[in-house]
Amino acid sequence: MQAALIGLAALLASAAPALAQSPIGDSCPLVVPPGQRLLQPRRIQPDQVKAKNAMGCLSPADAVYGADGCPLRLCNPDAGVIQLPLP
C-alpha cells in the first residue's frame, strides 16, 4: 500500500509542470498553480491588451497580457502596493 502511495505521489509530481501549462476554460495557459485556478486572471479582448499593459500592474493578482489577451505572468508581489506612513 505504501509503495502504491509513493508511486502515485511521484506520478502526480511529474504531472504538475504539464498541468501548469494546460489551458483552462478560455484556452489560456495557467499562470497560477493548478490548485489555485480560481485566482487565474481572466482573458481580455486582444484590442484591450496594449492599454491594459500600459496601465501597469494594479495589484499582485494582476497580470501582464500577451497579444492574444491571455495573461502571460502574474505581476510581482509589490505591484500596486502603496506604503502608507505609520500613524
PDB file of N, CA and C in Angstrom:
ATOM      1  N   MET A   1       0.824  -1.188   0.000  1.00  0.00           N
ATOM      2  CA  MET A   1       0.000   0.000   0.000  1.00  0.00           C
ATOM      3  C   MET A   1       0.873   1.259   0.000  1.00  0.00           C
ATOM      4  N   GLN A   2       1.918   1.269   0.851  1.00  0.00           N
ATOM      5  CA  GLN A   2       2.788   2.435   0.924  1.00  0.00           C
ATOM      6  C   GLN A   2       3.521   2.647  -0.400  1.00  0.00           C
ATOM      7  N   ALA A   3       3.928   1.566  -1.040  1.00  0.00           N
ATOM      8  CA  ALA A   3       4.610   1.682  -2.329  1.00  0.00           C
ATOM      9  C   ALA A   3       3.676   2.278  -3.376  1.00  0.00           C
ATOM     10  N   ALA A   4       2.407   1.900  -3.323  1.00  0.00           N
ATOM     11  CA  ALA A   4       1.432   2.453  -4.266  1.00  0.00           C
ATOM     12  C   ALA A   4       1.254   3.950  -4.045  1.00  0.00           C
ATOM     13  N   LEU A   5       1.225   4.370  -2.791  1.00  0.00           N
ATOM     14  CA  LEU A   5       1.080   5.792  -2.495  1.00  0.00           C
ATOM     15  C   LEU A   5       2.298   6.588  -2.950  1.00  0.00           C
ATOM     16  N   ILE A   6       3.483   6.007  -2.755  1.00  0.00           N
ATOM     17  CA  ILE A   6       4.708   6.673  -3.200  1.00  0.00           C
ATOM     18  C   ILE A   6       4.709   6.783  -4.721  1.00  0.00           C
ATOM     19  N   GLY A   7       4.293   5.714  -5.384  1.00  0.00           N
ATOM     20  CA  GLY A   7       4.211   5.733  -6.846  1.00  0.00           C
ATOM     21  C   GLY A   7       3.217   6.771  -7.341  1.00  0.00           C
ATOM     22  N   LEU A   8       2.074   6.860  -6.675  1.00  0.00           N
ATOM     23  CA  LEU A   8       1.066   7.846  -7.049  1.00  0.00           C
ATOM     24  C   LEU A   8       1.592   9.263  -6.830  1.00  0.00           C
ATOM     25  N   ALA A   9       2.271   9.489  -5.716  1.00  0.00           N
ATOM     26  CA  ALA A   9       2.842  10.810  -5.435  1.00  0.00           C
ATOM     27  C   ALA A   9       3.867  11.193  -6.499  1.00  0.00           C
ATOM     28  N   ALA A  10       4.704  10.243  -6.900  1.00  0.00           N
ATOM     29  CA  ALA A  10       5.704  10.510  -7.933  1.00  0.00           C
ATOM     30  C   ALA A  10       5.036  10.832  -9.267  1.00  0.00           C
ATOM     31  N   LEU A  11       3.975  10.106  -9.582  1.00  0.00           N
ATOM     32  CA  LEU A  11       3.243  10.350 -10.823  1.00  0.00           C
ATOM     33  C   LEU A  11       2.630  11.747 -10.822  1.00  0.00           C
ATOM     34  N   LEU A  12       2.006  12.117  -9.719  1.00  0.00           N
ATOM     35  CA  LEU A  12       1.393  13.441  -9.629  1.00  0.00           C
ATOM     36  C   LEU A  12       2.439  14.548  -9.682  1.00  0.00           C
ATOM     37  N   ALA A  13       3.572  14.335  -9.041  1.00  0.00           N
ATOM     38  CA  ALA A  13       4.637  15.338  -9.052  1.00  0.00           C
ATOM     39  C   ALA A  13       5.179  15.545 -10.459  1.00  0.00           C
ATOM     40  N   SER A  14       5.293  14.475 -11.222  1.00  0.00           N
ATOM     41  CA  SER A  14       5.806  14.606 -12.583  1.00  0.00           C
ATOM     42  C   SER A  14       4.776  15.236 -13.506  1.00  0.00           C
ATOM     43  N   ALA A  15       3.493  15.139 -13.163  1.00  0.00           N
ATOM     44  CA  ALA A  15       2.442  15.717 -13.999  1.00  0.00           C
ATOM     45  C   ALA A  15       2.227  17.193 -13.704  1.00  0.00           C
ATOM     46  N   ALA A  16       2.678  17.689 -12.571  1.00  0.00           N
ATOM     47  CA  ALA A  16       2.416  19.077 -12.171  1.00  0.00           C
ATOM     48  C   ALA A  16       2.893  20.104 -13.197  1.00  0.00           C
ATOM     49  N   PRO A  17       4.106  20.002 -13.742  1.00  0.00           N
ATOM     50  CA  PRO A  17       4.502  21.005 -14.727  1.00  0.00           C
ATOM     51  C   PRO A  17       3.599  21.009 -15.955  1.00  0.00           C
ATOM     52  N   ALA A  18       3.150  19.843 -16.378  1.00  0.00           N
ATOM     53  CA  ALA A  18       2.259  19.788 -17.529  1.00  0.00           C
ATOM     54  C   ALA A  18       0.922  20.430 -17.203  1.00  0.00           C
ATOM     55  N   LEU A  19       0.418  20.219 -15.996  1.00  0.00           N
ATOM     56  CA  LEU A  19      -0.844  20.830 -15.603  1.00  0.00           C
ATOM     57  C   LEU A  19      -0.727  22.341 -15.553  1.00  0.00           C
ATOM     58  N   ALA A  20       0.409  22.845 -15.133  1.00  0.00           N
ATOM     59  CA  ALA A  20       0.583  24.287 -15.015  1.00  0.00           C
ATOM     60  C   ALA A  20       0.514  24.971 -16.377  1.00  0.00           C
ATOM     61  N   GLN A  21       0.789  24.245 -17.431  1.00  0.00           N
ATOM     62  CA  GLN A  21       0.745  24.818 -18.769  1.00  0.00           C
ATOM     63  C   GLN A  21      -0.539  24.479 -19.513  1.00  0.00           C
ATOM     64  N   SER A  22      -1.442  23.760 -18.860  1.00  0.00           N
ATOM     65  CA  SER A  22      -2.655  23.349 -19.549  1.00  0.00           C
ATOM     66  C   SER A  22      -3.631  24.505 -19.666  1.00  0.00           C
ATOM     67  N   PRO A  23      -4.348  24.573 -20.783  1.00  0.00           N
ATOM     68  CA  PRO A  23      -5.328  25.632 -20.937  1.00  0.00           C
ATOM     69  C   PRO A  23      -6.538  25.397 -20.046  1.00  0.00           C
ATOM     70  N   ILE A  24      -7.243  26.460 -19.710  1.00  0.00           N
ATOM     71  CA  ILE A  24      -8.478  26.323 -18.955  1.00  0.00           C
ATOM     72  C   ILE A  24      -9.617  26.820 -19.821  1.00  0.00           C
ATOM     73  N   GLY A  25     -10.756  27.029 -19.229  1.00  0.00           N
ATOM     74  CA  GLY A  25     -11.973  27.353 -19.950  1.00  0.00           C
ATOM     75  C   GLY A  25     -11.826  28.275 -21.143  1.00  0.00           C
ATOM     76  N   ASP A  26     -11.062  29.337 -21.028  1.00  0.00           N
ATOM     77  CA  ASP A  26     -10.965  30.264 -22.145  1.00  0.00           C
ATOM     78  C   ASP A  26      -9.686  30.055 -22.958  1.00  0.00           C
ATOM     79  N   SER A  27      -9.098  28.885 -22.872  1.00  0.00           N
ATOM     80  CA  SER A  27      -7.951  28.468 -23.679  1.00  0.00           C
ATOM     81  C   SER A  27      -6.642  29.192 -23.383  1.00  0.00           C
ATOM     82  N   CYS A  28      -6.502  29.755 -22.204  1.00  0.00           N
ATOM     83  CA  CYS A  28      -5.235  30.379 -21.811  1.00  0.00           C
ATOM     84  C   CYS A  28      -4.476  29.436 -20.889  1.00  0.00           C
ATOM     85  N   PRO A  29      -3.139  29.381 -21.010  1.00  0.00           N
ATOM     86  CA  PRO A  29      -2.356  28.576 -20.073  1.00  0.00           C
ATOM     87  C   PRO A  29      -2.458  29.152 -18.662  1.00  0.00           C
ATOM     88  N   LEU A  30      -2.382  28.281 -17.690  1.00  0.00           N
ATOM     89  CA  LEU A  30      -2.416  28.732 -16.303  1.00  0.00           C
ATOM     90  C   LEU A  30      -1.145  29.508 -15.966  1.00  0.00           C
ATOM     91  N   VAL A  31      -1.307  30.600 -15.243  1.00  0.00           N
ATOM     92  CA  VAL A  31      -0.157  31.341 -14.719  1.00  0.00           C
ATOM     93  C   VAL A  31      -0.129  31.234 -13.199  1.00  0.00           C
ATOM     94  N   VAL A  32      -1.052  30.462 -12.659  1.00  0.00           N
ATOM     95  CA  VAL A  32      -1.133  30.188 -11.218  1.00  0.00           C
ATOM     96  C   VAL A  32      -1.012  28.684 -11.025  1.00  0.00           C
ATOM     97  N   PRO A  33      -0.678  28.218  -9.831  1.00  0.00           N
ATOM     98  CA  PRO A  33      -0.636  26.775  -9.588  1.00  0.00           C
ATOM     99  C   PRO A  33      -2.010  26.145  -9.847  1.00  0.00           C
ATOM    100  N   PRO A  34      -2.050  24.899 -10.313  1.00  0.00           N
ATOM    101  CA  PRO A  34      -3.324  24.242 -10.629  1.00  0.00           C
ATOM    102  C   PRO A  34      -4.328  24.260  -9.482  1.00  0.00           C
ATOM    103  N   GLY A  35      -3.859  24.211  -8.254  1.00  0.00           N
ATOM    104  CA  GLY A  35      -4.769  24.224  -7.114  1.00  0.00           C
ATOM    105  C   GLY A  35      -5.369  25.601  -6.837  1.00  0.00           C
ATOM    106  N   GLN A  36      -4.913  26.612  -7.574  1.00  0.00           N
ATOM    107  CA  GLN A  36      -5.405  27.977  -7.363  1.00  0.00           C
ATOM    108  C   GLN A  36      -6.065  28.537  -8.625  1.00  0.00           C
ATOM    109  N   ARG A  37      -6.716  27.665  -9.384  1.00  0.00           N
ATOM    110  CA  ARG A  37      -7.343  28.071 -10.650  1.00  0.00           C
ATOM    111  C   ARG A  37      -8.311  29.239 -10.500  1.00  0.00           C
ATOM    112  N   LEU A  38      -8.935  29.355  -9.340  1.00  0.00           N
ATOM    113  CA  LEU A  38      -9.879  30.455  -9.137  1.00  0.00           C
ATOM    114  C   LEU A  38      -9.180  31.812  -9.149  1.00  0.00           C
ATOM    115  N   LEU A  39      -7.874  31.819  -8.945  1.00  0.00           N
ATOM    116  CA  LEU A  39      -7.105  33.059  -8.936  1.00  0.00           C
ATOM    117  C   LEU A  39      -6.522  33.408 -10.304  1.00  0.00           C
ATOM    118  N   GLN A  40      -6.774  32.560 -11.304  1.00  0.00           N
ATOM    119  CA  GLN A  40      -6.265  32.800 -12.654  1.00  0.00           C
ATOM    120  C   GLN A  40      -6.867  34.088 -13.220  1.00  0.00           C
ATOM    121  N   PRO A  41      -6.023  35.044 -13.647  1.00  0.00           N
ATOM    122  CA  PRO A  41      -6.568  36.248 -14.280  1.00  0.00           C
ATOM    123  C   PRO A  41      -7.345  35.878 -15.544  1.00  0.00           C
ATOM    124  N   ARG A  42      -8.411  36.589 -15.785  1.00  0.00           N
ATOM    125  CA  ARG A  42      -9.252  36.302 -16.948  1.00  0.00           C
ATOM    126  C   ARG A  42      -8.625  36.836 -18.227  1.00  0.00           C
ATOM    127  N   ARG A  43      -9.009  36.196 -19.322  1.00  0.00           N
ATOM    128  CA  ARG A  43      -8.582  36.645 -20.639  1.00  0.00           C
ATOM    129  C   ARG A  43      -9.285  37.964 -20.951  1.00  0.00           C
ATOM    130  N   ILE A  44      -8.575  38.851 -21.628  1.00  0.00           N
ATOM    131  CA  ILE A  44      -9.190  40.105 -22.055  1.00  0.00           C
ATOM    132  C   ILE A  44      -9.228  40.140 -23.582  1.00  0.00           C
ATOM    133  N   GLN A  45      -9.949  41.076 -24.129  1.00  0.00           N
ATOM    134  CA  GLN A  45     -10.022  41.215 -25.586  1.00  0.00           C
ATOM    135  C   GLN A  45      -8.651  41.642 -26.119  1.00  0.00           C
ATOM    136  N   PRO A  46      -8.208  41.059 -27.234  1.00  0.00           N
ATOM    137  CA  PRO A  46      -6.892  41.418 -27.779  1.00  0.00           C
ATOM    138  C   PRO A  46      -6.717  42.918 -28.016  1.00  0.00           C
ATOM    139  N   ASP A  47      -7.794  43.621 -28.368  1.00  0.00           N
ATOM    140  CA  ASP A  47      -7.661  45.057 -28.612  1.00  0.00           C
ATOM    141  C   ASP A  47      -7.527  45.869 -27.317  1.00  0.00           C
ATOM    142  N   GLN A  48      -7.672  45.229 -26.156  1.00  0.00           N
ATOM    143  CA  GLN A  48      -7.520  45.899 -24.869  1.00  0.00           C
ATOM    144  C   GLN A  48      -6.129  45.700 -24.258  1.00  0.00           C
ATOM    145  N   VAL A  49      -5.337  44.813 -24.843  1.00  0.00           N
ATOM    146  CA  VAL A  49      -4.042  44.433 -24.259  1.00  0.00           C
ATOM    147  C   VAL A  49      -3.086  45.615 -24.138  1.00  0.00           C
ATOM    148  N   LYS A  50      -2.941  46.391 -25.198  1.00  0.00           N
ATOM    149  CA  LYS A  50      -1.978  47.497 -25.181  1.00  0.00           C
ATOM    150  C   LYS A  50      -2.305  48.487 -24.063  1.00  0.00           C
ATOM    151  N   ALA A  51      -3.571  48.862 -23.932  1.00  0.00           N
ATOM    152  CA  ALA A  51      -3.970  49.816 -22.890  1.00  0.00           C
ATOM    153  C   ALA A  51      -3.810  49.215 -21.500  1.00  0.00           C
ATOM    154  N   LYS A  52      -4.177  47.954 -21.345  1.00  0.00           N
ATOM    155  CA  LYS A  52      -4.073  47.302 -20.032  1.00  0.00           C
ATOM    156  C   LYS A  52      -2.619  47.218 -19.599  1.00  0.00           C
ATOM    157  N   ASN A  53      -1.751  46.769 -20.476  1.00  0.00           N
ATOM    158  CA  ASN A  53      -0.333  46.657 -20.126  1.00  0.00           C
ATOM    159  C   ASN A  53       0.291  48.031 -19.882  1.00  0.00           C
ATOM    160  N   ALA A  54      -0.196  49.069 -20.579  1.00  0.00           N
ATOM    161  CA  ALA A  54       0.328  50.421 -20.374  1.00  0.00           C
ATOM    162  C   ALA A  54      -0.029  50.951 -18.984  1.00  0.00           C
ATOM    163  N   MET A  55      -1.164  50.503 -18.425  1.00  0.00           N
ATOM    164  CA  MET A  55      -1.563  50.927 -17.079  1.00  0.00           C
ATOM    165  C   MET A  55      -0.660  50.333 -16.017  1.00  0.00           C
ATOM    166  N   GLY A  56       0.026  49.269 -16.345  1.00  0.00           N
ATOM    167  CA  GLY A  56       0.873  48.604 -15.367  1.00  0.00           C
ATOM    168  C   GLY A  56       0.071  47.679 -14.471  1.00  0.00           C
ATOM    169  N   CYS A  57       0.704  47.216 -13.437  1.00  0.00           N
ATOM    170  CA  CYS A  57       0.081  46.276 -12.508  1.00  0.00           C
ATOM    171  C   CYS A  57      -0.666  47.037 -11.423  1.00  0.00           C
ATOM    172  N   LEU A  58      -1.912  46.678 -11.220  1.00  0.00           N
ATOM    173  CA  LEU A  58      -2.734  47.337 -10.215  1.00  0.00           C
ATOM    174  C   LEU A  58      -2.682  46.624  -8.875  1.00  0.00           C
ATOM    175  N   SER A  59      -2.278  45.358  -8.888  1.00  0.00           N
ATOM    176  CA  SER A  59      -2.163  44.575  -7.657  1.00  0.00           C
ATOM    177  C   SER A  59      -1.288  43.365  -7.944  1.00  0.00           C
ATOM    178  N   PRO A  60      -0.852  42.656  -6.914  1.00  0.00           N
ATOM    179  CA  PRO A  60      -0.072  41.431  -7.138  1.00  0.00           C
ATOM    180  C   PRO A  60      -0.865  40.355  -7.883  1.00  0.00           C
ATOM    181  N   ALA A  61      -2.192  40.411  -7.822  1.00  0.00           N
ATOM    182  CA  ALA A  61      -3.021  39.418  -8.508  1.00  0.00           C
ATOM    183  C   ALA A  61      -3.265  39.788  -9.964  1.00  0.00           C
ATOM    184  N   ASP A  62      -2.798  40.948 -10.379  1.00  0.00           N
ATOM    185  CA  ASP A  62      -2.948  41.405 -11.754  1.00  0.00           C
ATOM    186  C   ASP A  62      -1.942  40.660 -12.629  1.00  0.00           C
ATOM    187  N   ALA A  63      -2.041  40.840 -13.935  1.00  0.00           N
ATOM    188  CA  ALA A  63      -1.159  40.124 -14.847  1.00  0.00           C
ATOM    189  C   ALA A  63      -0.689  41.029 -15.972  1.00  0.00           C
ATOM    190  N   VAL A  64       0.370  40.589 -16.623  1.00  0.00           N
ATOM    191  CA  VAL A  64       0.834  41.171 -17.873  1.00  0.00           C
ATOM    192  C   VAL A  64       0.252  40.275 -18.955  1.00  0.00           C
ATOM    193  N   TYR A  65      -0.309  40.889 -19.995  1.00  0.00           N
ATOM    194  CA  TYR A  65      -1.043  40.138 -21.009  1.00  0.00           C
ATOM    195  C   TYR A  65      -0.297  40.065 -22.329  1.00  0.00           C
ATOM    196  N   GLY A  66      -0.531  38.952 -23.049  1.00  0.00           N
ATOM    197  CA  GLY A  66       0.025  38.756 -24.372  1.00  0.00           C
ATOM    198  C   GLY A  66      -0.921  39.288 -25.431  1.00  0.00           C
ATOM    199  N   ALA A  67      -0.458  39.347 -26.666  1.00  0.00           N
ATOM    200  CA  ALA A  67      -1.238  39.909 -27.766  1.00  0.00           C
ATOM    201  C   ALA A  67      -2.581  39.211 -27.973  1.00  0.00           C
ATOM    202  N   ASP A  68      -2.669  37.941 -27.581  1.00  0.00           N
ATOM    203  CA  ASP A  68      -3.926  37.196 -27.751  1.00  0.00           C
ATOM    204  C   ASP A  68      -4.918  37.444 -26.620  1.00  0.00           C
ATOM    205  N   GLY A  69      -4.531  38.244 -25.619  1.00  0.00           N
ATOM    206  CA  GLY A  69      -5.417  38.536 -24.497  1.00  0.00           C
ATOM    207  C   GLY A  69      -5.245  37.605 -23.316  1.00  0.00           C
ATOM    208  N   CYS A  70      -4.367  36.621 -23.442  1.00  0.00           N
ATOM    209  CA  CYS A  70      -4.119  35.693 -22.335  1.00  0.00           C
ATOM    210  C   CYS A  70      -3.086  36.292 -21.379  1.00  0.00           C
ATOM    211  N   PRO A  71      -3.259  36.047 -20.073  1.00  0.00           N
ATOM    212  CA  PRO A  71      -2.237  36.502 -19.134  1.00  0.00           C
ATOM    213  C   PRO A  71      -0.942  35.720 -19.357  1.00  0.00           C
ATOM    214  N   LEU A  72       0.175  36.429 -19.405  1.00  0.00           N
ATOM    215  CA  LEU A  72       1.479  35.782 -19.596  1.00  0.00           C
ATOM    216  C   LEU A  72       2.129  35.423 -18.270  1.00  0.00           C
ATOM    217  N   ARG A  73       1.988  36.326 -17.296  1.00  0.00           N
ATOM    218  CA  ARG A  73       2.571  36.099 -15.974  1.00  0.00           C
ATOM    219  C   ARG A  73       1.885  37.024 -14.987  1.00  0.00           C
ATOM    220  N   LEU A  74       1.912  36.617 -13.724  1.00  0.00           N
ATOM    221  CA  LEU A  74       1.382  37.470 -12.668  1.00  0.00           C
ATOM    222  C   LEU A  74       2.348  38.618 -12.410  1.00  0.00           C
ATOM    223  N   CYS A  75       1.828  39.695 -11.891  1.00  0.00           N
ATOM    224  CA  CYS A  75       2.663  40.833 -11.507  1.00  0.00           C
ATOM    225  C   CYS A  75       3.466  40.467 -10.264  1.00  0.00           C
ATOM    226  N   ASN A  76       4.485  41.256  -9.972  1.00  0.00           N
ATOM    227  CA  ASN A  76       5.318  40.937  -8.809  1.00  0.00           C
ATOM    228  C   ASN A  76       4.564  41.224  -7.511  1.00  0.00           C
ATOM    229  N   PRO A  77       5.001  40.648  -6.409  1.00  0.00           N
ATOM    230  CA  PRO A  77       4.276  40.761  -5.133  1.00  0.00           C
ATOM    231  C   PRO A  77       4.104  42.186  -4.610  1.00  0.00           C
ATOM    232  N   ASP A  78       4.934  43.131  -5.062  1.00  0.00           N
ATOM    233  CA  ASP A  78       4.822  44.514  -4.594  1.00  0.00           C
ATOM    234  C   ASP A  78       4.001  45.398  -5.533  1.00  0.00           C
ATOM    235  N   ALA A  79       3.463  44.827  -6.597  1.00  0.00           N
ATOM    236  CA  ALA A  79       2.735  45.615  -7.589  1.00  0.00           C
ATOM    237  C   ALA A  79       1.491  46.260  -6.993  1.00  0.00           C
ATOM    238  N   GLY A  80       1.341  47.539  -7.243  1.00  0.00           N
ATOM    239  CA  GLY A  80       0.157  48.252  -6.795  1.00  0.00           C
ATOM    240  C   GLY A  80       0.079  48.495  -5.305  1.00  0.00           C
ATOM    241  N   VAL A  81       1.127  48.138  -4.583  1.00  0.00           N
ATOM    242  CA  VAL A  81       1.127  48.313  -3.129  1.00  0.00           C
ATOM    243  C   VAL A  81       1.667  49.705  -2.807  1.00  0.00           C
ATOM    244  N   ILE A  82       0.889  50.462  -2.079  1.00  0.00           N
ATOM    245  CA  ILE A  82       1.301  51.805  -1.679  1.00  0.00           C
ATOM    246  C   ILE A  82       1.634  51.764  -0.196  1.00  0.00           C
ATOM    247  N   GLN A  83       2.858  52.102   0.136  1.00  0.00           N
ATOM    248  CA  GLN A  83       3.279  52.107   1.529  1.00  0.00           C
ATOM    249  C   GLN A  83       2.717  53.343   2.214  1.00  0.00           C
ATOM    250  N   LEU A  84       1.867  53.134   3.195  1.00  0.00           N
ATOM    251  CA  LEU A  84       1.287  54.243   3.941  1.00  0.00           C
ATOM    252  C   LEU A  84       2.172  54.584   5.133  1.00  0.00           C
ATOM    253  N   PRO A  85       2.215  55.861   5.498  1.00  0.00           N
ATOM    254  CA  PRO A  85       3.028  56.233   6.660  1.00  0.00           C
ATOM    255  C   PRO A  85       2.422  55.676   7.944  1.00  0.00           C
ATOM    256  N   LEU A  86       3.266  55.377   8.888  1.00  0.00           N
ATOM    257  CA  LEU A  86       2.790  54.897  10.183  1.00  0.00           C
ATOM    258  C   LEU A  86       2.141  56.051  10.939  1.00  0.00           C
ATOM    259  N   PRO A  87       1.098  55.758  11.742  1.00  0.00           N
ATOM    260  CA  PRO A  87       0.416  56.836  12.477  1.00  0.00           C
ATOM    261  C   PRO A  87       1.301  57.470  13.529  1.00  0.00           C
TER     262      PRO A  87
END
